[in-house]
Amino acid sequence: MTALGVGVVGCGVISEIYLSNAALFPQIELRAVADLNLDAARAKAEAHGVQAMTPAELMARDDIDIVLNLTIPAAHVELGLAALEAGKHVYSEKPLAGSTADARRLVEAAEARGLRVGCAP
């Protein structure tokens, strides 16, 4: 089985639990981290042996299959839609969106592209 390439966007406090546990799942491979604060991304990248980049650079990578969205809640929809438009599956920290209408937009965008979208409980 080929591992899914994972790119993490959002290198704040919650990212550490995801990043440190990624190696426990052989079906995924952590490939890159991104943040608007490049220093935060670089620190996480160095600690976990991956590349640091901007969110736009991460979205453009062909080896990223799924974007793990750990940004602030207000950015979840915008970043999720950008990832879907780039052909990436999306898994988001909660909440998926700030409104039911925005959550529907994400689900509909995923369905239209044959992609999946999910969220932490």
N, C-alpha and C. Protein backbone atom coordinates (compact mmCIF):
# COMPACT_ATOMS: atom_id res chain seq x y z
N MET A 1 0.85 -1.18 0.00
CA MET A 1 0.00 0.00 0.00
C MET A 1 0.89 1.24 0.00
N THR A 2 0.57 2.17 -0.87
CA THR A 2 1.30 3.43 -0.93
C THR A 2 0.76 4.37 0.15
N ALA A 3 1.66 4.96 0.90
CA ALA A 3 1.25 5.88 1.96
C ALA A 3 0.71 7.18 1.36
N LEU A 4 -0.31 7.73 2.01
CA LEU A 4 -0.84 9.04 1.63
C LEU A 4 0.12 10.12 2.10
N GLY A 5 0.43 11.06 1.23
CA GLY A 5 1.28 12.18 1.59
C GLY A 5 0.48 13.24 2.32
N VAL A 6 0.91 13.59 3.52
CA VAL A 6 0.20 14.54 4.36
C VAL A 6 0.98 15.84 4.45
N GLY A 7 0.26 16.95 4.29
CA GLY A 7 0.81 18.27 4.52
C GLY A 7 0.02 18.95 5.61
N VAL A 8 0.69 19.46 6.60
CA VAL A 8 0.04 20.12 7.73
C VAL A 8 0.11 21.63 7.52
N VAL A 9 -1.03 22.28 7.63
CA VAL A 9 -1.07 23.73 7.58
C VAL A 9 -1.55 24.23 8.94
N GLY A 10 -0.71 25.01 9.59
CA GLY A 10 -1.00 25.51 10.92
C GLY A 10 -0.04 24.86 11.91
N CYS A 11 0.94 25.59 12.36
CA CYS A 11 1.99 25.05 13.23
C CYS A 11 1.90 25.58 14.65
N GLY A 12 0.69 25.77 15.13
CA GLY A 12 0.48 26.22 16.50
C GLY A 12 0.56 25.07 17.49
N VAL A 13 0.03 25.30 18.68
CA VAL A 13 0.14 24.35 19.78
C VAL A 13 -0.43 22.97 19.43
N ILE A 14 -1.62 22.92 18.83
CA ILE A 14 -2.27 21.63 18.55
C ILE A 14 -1.47 20.80 17.55
N SER A 15 -0.67 21.44 16.73
CA SER A 15 0.06 20.70 15.69
C SER A 15 1.02 19.66 16.28
N GLU A 16 1.55 19.92 17.45
CA GLU A 16 2.56 19.01 18.01
C GLU A 16 2.00 17.61 18.24
N ILE A 17 0.78 17.49 18.72
CA ILE A 17 0.22 16.16 18.97
C ILE A 17 0.03 15.41 17.65
N TYR A 18 -0.42 16.11 16.62
CA TYR A 18 -0.57 15.47 15.31
C TYR A 18 0.79 15.08 14.74
N LEU A 19 1.72 15.99 14.78
CA LEU A 19 3.04 15.74 14.19
C LEU A 19 3.78 14.62 14.92
N SER A 20 3.73 14.61 16.23
CA SER A 20 4.46 13.59 16.98
C SER A 20 3.83 12.21 16.85
N ASN A 21 2.55 12.14 16.53
CA ASN A 21 1.88 10.85 16.38
C ASN A 21 1.81 10.35 14.94
N ALA A 22 2.21 11.15 13.98
CA ALA A 22 2.10 10.76 12.57
C ALA A 22 2.84 9.45 12.28
N ALA A 23 3.98 9.24 12.91
CA ALA A 23 4.77 8.04 12.65
C ALA A 23 4.08 6.76 13.11
N LEU A 24 3.05 6.87 13.92
CA LEU A 24 2.32 5.69 14.40
C LEU A 24 1.42 5.09 13.32
N PHE A 25 1.23 5.80 12.23
CA PHE A 25 0.29 5.38 11.19
C PHE A 25 1.04 5.13 9.89
N PRO A 26 1.33 3.86 9.58
CA PRO A 26 2.13 3.56 8.38
C PRO A 26 1.44 3.90 7.07
N GLN A 27 0.14 4.12 7.10
CA GLN A 27 -0.59 4.44 5.87
C GLN A 27 -0.48 5.91 5.48
N ILE A 28 0.18 6.71 6.31
CA ILE A 28 0.42 8.11 5.96
C ILE A 28 1.90 8.43 6.06
N GLU A 29 2.30 9.45 5.32
CA GLU A 29 3.68 9.94 5.40
C GLU A 29 3.64 11.45 5.49
N LEU A 30 4.11 11.98 6.60
CA LEU A 30 4.19 13.42 6.79
C LEU A 30 5.26 13.96 5.85
N ARG A 31 4.87 14.90 4.98
CA ARG A 31 5.81 15.38 3.96
C ARG A 31 6.18 16.86 4.10
N ALA A 32 5.29 17.66 4.69
CA ALA A 32 5.58 19.10 4.76
C ALA A 32 4.69 19.75 5.81
N VAL A 33 5.18 20.88 6.32
CA VAL A 33 4.39 21.72 7.21
C VAL A 33 4.40 23.14 6.66
N ALA A 34 3.32 23.85 6.92
CA ALA A 34 3.21 25.23 6.43
C ALA A 34 2.52 26.09 7.47
N ASP A 35 2.84 27.35 7.44
CA ASP A 35 2.21 28.31 8.32
C ASP A 35 2.46 29.69 7.73
N LEU A 36 1.55 30.63 8.01
CA LEU A 36 1.79 32.00 7.59
C LEU A 36 3.03 32.56 8.28
N ASN A 37 3.29 32.06 9.49
CA ASN A 37 4.50 32.40 10.23
C ASN A 37 5.56 31.37 9.86
N LEU A 38 6.42 31.71 8.92
CA LEU A 38 7.41 30.75 8.43
C LEU A 38 8.38 30.28 9.50
N ASP A 39 8.63 31.11 10.50
CA ASP A 39 9.51 30.67 11.59
C ASP A 39 8.88 29.51 12.36
N ALA A 40 7.57 29.58 12.58
CA ALA A 40 6.86 28.49 13.25
C ALA A 40 6.92 27.22 12.41
N ALA A 41 6.72 27.36 11.11
CA ALA A 41 6.79 26.21 10.21
C ALA A 41 8.20 25.61 10.21
N ARG A 42 9.20 26.46 10.18
CA ARG A 42 10.58 25.96 10.16
C ARG A 42 10.92 25.19 11.44
N ALA A 43 10.45 25.70 12.57
CA ALA A 43 10.72 25.02 13.84
C ALA A 43 10.08 23.63 13.87
N LYS A 44 8.83 23.53 13.43
CA LYS A 44 8.15 22.22 13.40
C LYS A 44 8.81 21.31 12.37
N ALA A 45 9.18 21.86 11.23
CA ALA A 45 9.82 21.06 10.18
C ALA A 45 11.13 20.46 10.68
N GLU A 46 11.92 21.28 11.34
CA GLU A 46 13.20 20.79 11.86
C GLU A 46 12.99 19.70 12.90
N ALA A 47 12.02 19.89 13.78
CA ALA A 47 11.75 18.92 14.84
C ALA A 47 11.23 17.59 14.30
N HIS A 48 10.58 17.63 13.13
CA HIS A 48 9.93 16.41 12.62
C HIS A 48 10.51 15.92 11.29
N GLY A 49 11.58 16.52 10.84
CA GLY A 49 12.28 16.03 9.66
C GLY A 49 11.54 16.17 8.35
N VAL A 50 10.82 17.27 8.20
CA VAL A 50 10.10 17.53 6.95
C VAL A 50 10.43 18.93 6.46
N GLN A 51 9.87 19.30 5.33
CA GLN A 51 10.11 20.63 4.76
C GLN A 51 9.11 21.65 5.31
N ALA A 52 9.55 22.89 5.44
CA ALA A 52 8.70 24.01 5.82
C ALA A 52 8.43 24.85 4.59
N MET A 53 7.23 25.41 4.51
CA MET A 53 6.86 26.23 3.36
C MET A 53 5.64 27.06 3.68
N THR A 54 5.23 27.86 2.72
CA THR A 54 3.99 28.63 2.86
C THR A 54 2.81 27.72 2.54
N PRO A 55 1.61 28.09 2.98
CA PRO A 55 0.43 27.30 2.61
C PRO A 55 0.26 27.16 1.10
N ALA A 56 0.51 28.22 0.34
CA ALA A 56 0.36 28.15 -1.12
C ALA A 56 1.35 27.16 -1.73
N GLU A 57 2.57 27.15 -1.23
CA GLU A 57 3.57 26.20 -1.73
C GLU A 57 3.15 24.76 -1.42
N LEU A 58 2.61 24.55 -0.23
CA LEU A 58 2.16 23.21 0.14
C LEU A 58 1.04 22.74 -0.78
N MET A 59 0.09 23.62 -1.07
CA MET A 59 -1.04 23.26 -1.94
C MET A 59 -0.58 22.89 -3.35
N ALA A 60 0.51 23.48 -3.79
CA ALA A 60 1.00 23.24 -5.15
C ALA A 60 1.78 21.94 -5.30
N ARG A 61 2.10 21.30 -4.21
CA ARG A 61 2.92 20.07 -4.28
C ARG A 61 2.11 18.88 -4.76
N ASP A 62 2.68 18.14 -5.69
CA ASP A 62 2.03 16.95 -6.22
C ASP A 62 2.07 15.77 -5.26
N ASP A 63 3.00 15.77 -4.32
CA ASP A 63 3.12 14.63 -3.41
C ASP A 63 2.30 14.77 -2.13
N ILE A 64 1.49 15.81 -2.06
CA ILE A 64 0.58 15.99 -0.92
C ILE A 64 -0.81 15.52 -1.35
N ASP A 65 -1.30 14.48 -0.69
CA ASP A 65 -2.62 13.92 -1.00
C ASP A 65 -3.71 14.50 -0.11
N ILE A 66 -3.33 14.79 1.13
CA ILE A 66 -4.31 15.28 2.10
C ILE A 66 -3.70 16.43 2.90
N VAL A 67 -4.50 17.46 3.08
CA VAL A 67 -4.08 18.61 3.88
C VAL A 67 -4.73 18.49 5.26
N LEU A 68 -3.91 18.51 6.28
CA LEU A 68 -4.37 18.52 7.66
C LEU A 68 -4.43 19.98 8.08
N ASN A 69 -5.64 20.48 8.24
CA ASN A 69 -5.89 21.90 8.49
C ASN A 69 -5.95 22.16 9.99
N LEU A 70 -4.88 22.71 10.53
CA LEU A 70 -4.79 23.02 11.96
C LEU A 70 -4.73 24.52 12.20
N THR A 71 -5.26 25.27 11.27
CA THR A 71 -5.27 26.73 11.38
C THR A 71 -6.32 27.18 12.39
N ILE A 72 -6.42 28.48 12.60
CA ILE A 72 -7.45 29.01 13.49
C ILE A 72 -8.83 28.75 12.86
N PRO A 73 -9.87 28.57 13.67
CA PRO A 73 -11.19 28.26 13.13
C PRO A 73 -11.68 29.21 12.04
N ALA A 74 -11.37 30.48 12.16
CA ALA A 74 -11.84 31.45 11.16
C ALA A 74 -11.24 31.20 9.78
N ALA A 75 -10.14 30.46 9.71
CA ALA A 75 -9.49 30.19 8.43
C ALA A 75 -9.83 28.81 7.86
N HIS A 76 -10.58 28.00 8.59
CA HIS A 76 -10.83 26.62 8.16
C HIS A 76 -11.50 26.53 6.80
N VAL A 77 -12.51 27.33 6.54
CA VAL A 77 -13.24 27.22 5.27
C VAL A 77 -12.36 27.68 4.11
N GLU A 78 -11.76 28.83 4.24
CA GLU A 78 -10.93 29.37 3.16
C GLU A 78 -9.80 28.40 2.81
N LEU A 79 -9.11 27.91 3.82
CA LEU A 79 -8.01 27.00 3.57
C LEU A 79 -8.52 25.66 3.05
N GLY A 80 -9.62 25.18 3.60
CA GLY A 80 -10.19 23.92 3.13
C GLY A 80 -10.59 23.98 1.67
N LEU A 81 -11.23 25.07 1.28
CA LEU A 81 -11.62 25.23 -0.13
C LEU A 81 -10.40 25.31 -1.04
N ALA A 82 -9.37 26.01 -0.59
CA ALA A 82 -8.14 26.11 -1.39
C ALA A 82 -7.51 24.74 -1.58
N ALA A 83 -7.51 23.94 -0.53
CA ALA A 83 -6.94 22.59 -0.63
C ALA A 83 -7.75 21.73 -1.59
N LEU A 84 -9.07 21.80 -1.47
CA LEU A 84 -9.93 21.03 -2.38
C LEU A 84 -9.73 21.46 -3.82
N GLU A 85 -9.65 22.76 -4.04
CA GLU A 85 -9.43 23.28 -5.40
C GLU A 85 -8.08 22.82 -5.96
N ALA A 86 -7.13 22.56 -5.06
CA ALA A 86 -5.81 22.07 -5.48
C ALA A 86 -5.80 20.55 -5.64
N GLY A 87 -6.95 19.92 -5.43
CA GLY A 87 -7.05 18.47 -5.61
C GLY A 87 -6.64 17.65 -4.41
N LYS A 88 -6.67 18.27 -3.22
CA LYS A 88 -6.26 17.58 -2.00
C LYS A 88 -7.49 17.22 -1.16
N HIS A 89 -7.43 16.06 -0.50
CA HIS A 89 -8.41 15.74 0.53
C HIS A 89 -8.12 16.67 1.71
N VAL A 90 -9.12 16.86 2.59
CA VAL A 90 -8.95 17.77 3.73
C VAL A 90 -9.44 17.10 5.01
N TYR A 91 -8.61 17.18 6.04
CA TYR A 91 -9.02 16.81 7.39
C TYR A 91 -8.72 18.02 8.25
N SER A 92 -9.75 18.49 8.96
CA SER A 92 -9.64 19.74 9.70
C SER A 92 -9.80 19.51 11.20
N GLU A 93 -9.06 20.27 11.96
CA GLU A 93 -9.32 20.33 13.39
C GLU A 93 -10.70 20.99 13.54
N LYS A 94 -11.37 20.72 14.64
CA LYS A 94 -12.71 21.28 14.83
C LYS A 94 -12.64 22.78 15.09
N PRO A 95 -13.66 23.50 14.70
CA PRO A 95 -14.82 23.08 13.92
C PRO A 95 -14.49 23.02 12.43
N LEU A 96 -15.27 22.25 11.69
CA LEU A 96 -15.09 22.19 10.25
C LEU A 96 -15.29 23.56 9.64
N ALA A 97 -16.32 24.26 10.11
CA ALA A 97 -16.67 25.59 9.59
C ALA A 97 -17.41 26.35 10.68
N GLY A 98 -17.56 27.64 10.46
CA GLY A 98 -18.25 28.48 11.43
C GLY A 98 -19.76 28.47 11.28
N SER A 99 -20.25 27.90 10.19
CA SER A 99 -21.70 27.85 9.96
C SER A 99 -22.03 26.59 9.17
N THR A 100 -23.28 26.21 9.25
CA THR A 100 -23.75 25.06 8.47
C THR A 100 -23.59 25.32 6.98
N ALA A 101 -23.88 26.54 6.56
CA ALA A 101 -23.76 26.88 5.14
C ALA A 101 -22.31 26.72 4.65
N ASP A 102 -21.36 27.17 5.45
CA ASP A 102 -19.95 27.04 5.06
C ASP A 102 -19.52 25.57 5.07
N ALA A 103 -20.01 24.80 6.02
CA ALA A 103 -19.70 23.37 6.04
C ALA A 103 -20.24 22.69 4.79
N ARG A 104 -21.43 23.08 4.38
CA ARG A 104 -22.01 22.52 3.14
C ARG A 104 -21.14 22.87 1.93
N ARG A 105 -20.63 24.09 1.90
CA ARG A 105 -19.75 24.51 0.79
C ARG A 105 -18.54 23.58 0.70
N LEU A 106 -17.95 23.26 1.83
CA LEU A 106 -16.80 22.37 1.84
C LEU A 106 -17.18 20.97 1.35
N VAL A 107 -18.27 20.44 1.87
CA VAL A 107 -18.71 19.10 1.48
C VAL A 107 -19.05 19.05 0.00
N GLU A 108 -19.75 20.06 -0.48
CA GLU A 108 -20.12 20.09 -1.90
C GLU A 108 -18.89 20.24 -2.80
N ALA A 109 -17.93 21.04 -2.37
CA ALA A 109 -16.70 21.19 -3.15
C ALA A 109 -15.93 19.87 -3.21
N ALA A 110 -15.90 19.15 -2.10
CA ALA A 110 -15.23 17.85 -2.08
C ALA A 110 -15.95 16.86 -2.98
N GLU A 111 -17.26 16.78 -2.86
CA GLU A 111 -18.04 15.85 -3.68
C GLU A 111 -17.87 16.14 -5.17
N ALA A 112 -17.85 17.41 -5.53
CA ALA A 112 -17.73 17.80 -6.94
C ALA A 112 -16.39 17.35 -7.54
N ARG A 113 -15.38 17.18 -6.68
CA ARG A 113 -14.05 16.82 -7.16
C ARG A 113 -13.68 15.36 -6.85
N GLY A 114 -14.63 14.63 -6.25
CA GLY A 114 -14.34 13.24 -5.89
C GLY A 114 -13.34 13.13 -4.75
N LEU A 115 -13.34 14.14 -3.87
CA LEU A 115 -12.42 14.18 -2.74
C LEU A 115 -13.18 13.99 -1.44
N ARG A 116 -12.45 13.82 -0.37
CA ARG A 116 -13.04 13.64 0.96
C ARG A 116 -12.68 14.82 1.85
N VAL A 117 -13.62 15.12 2.74
CA VAL A 117 -13.39 16.14 3.75
C VAL A 117 -13.84 15.56 5.08
N GLY A 118 -13.05 15.79 6.12
CA GLY A 118 -13.39 15.28 7.44
C GLY A 118 -12.96 16.27 8.51
N CYS A 119 -13.38 15.97 9.73
CA CYS A 119 -13.13 16.90 10.83
C CYS A 119 -12.98 16.13 12.13
N ALA A 120 -12.14 16.64 13.01
CA ALA A 120 -12.00 16.07 14.35
C ALA A 120 -13.33 16.17 15.07
N PRO A 121 -13.64 15.17 15.89
CA PRO A 121 -14.92 15.21 16.62
C PRO A 121 -14.93 16.26 17.72
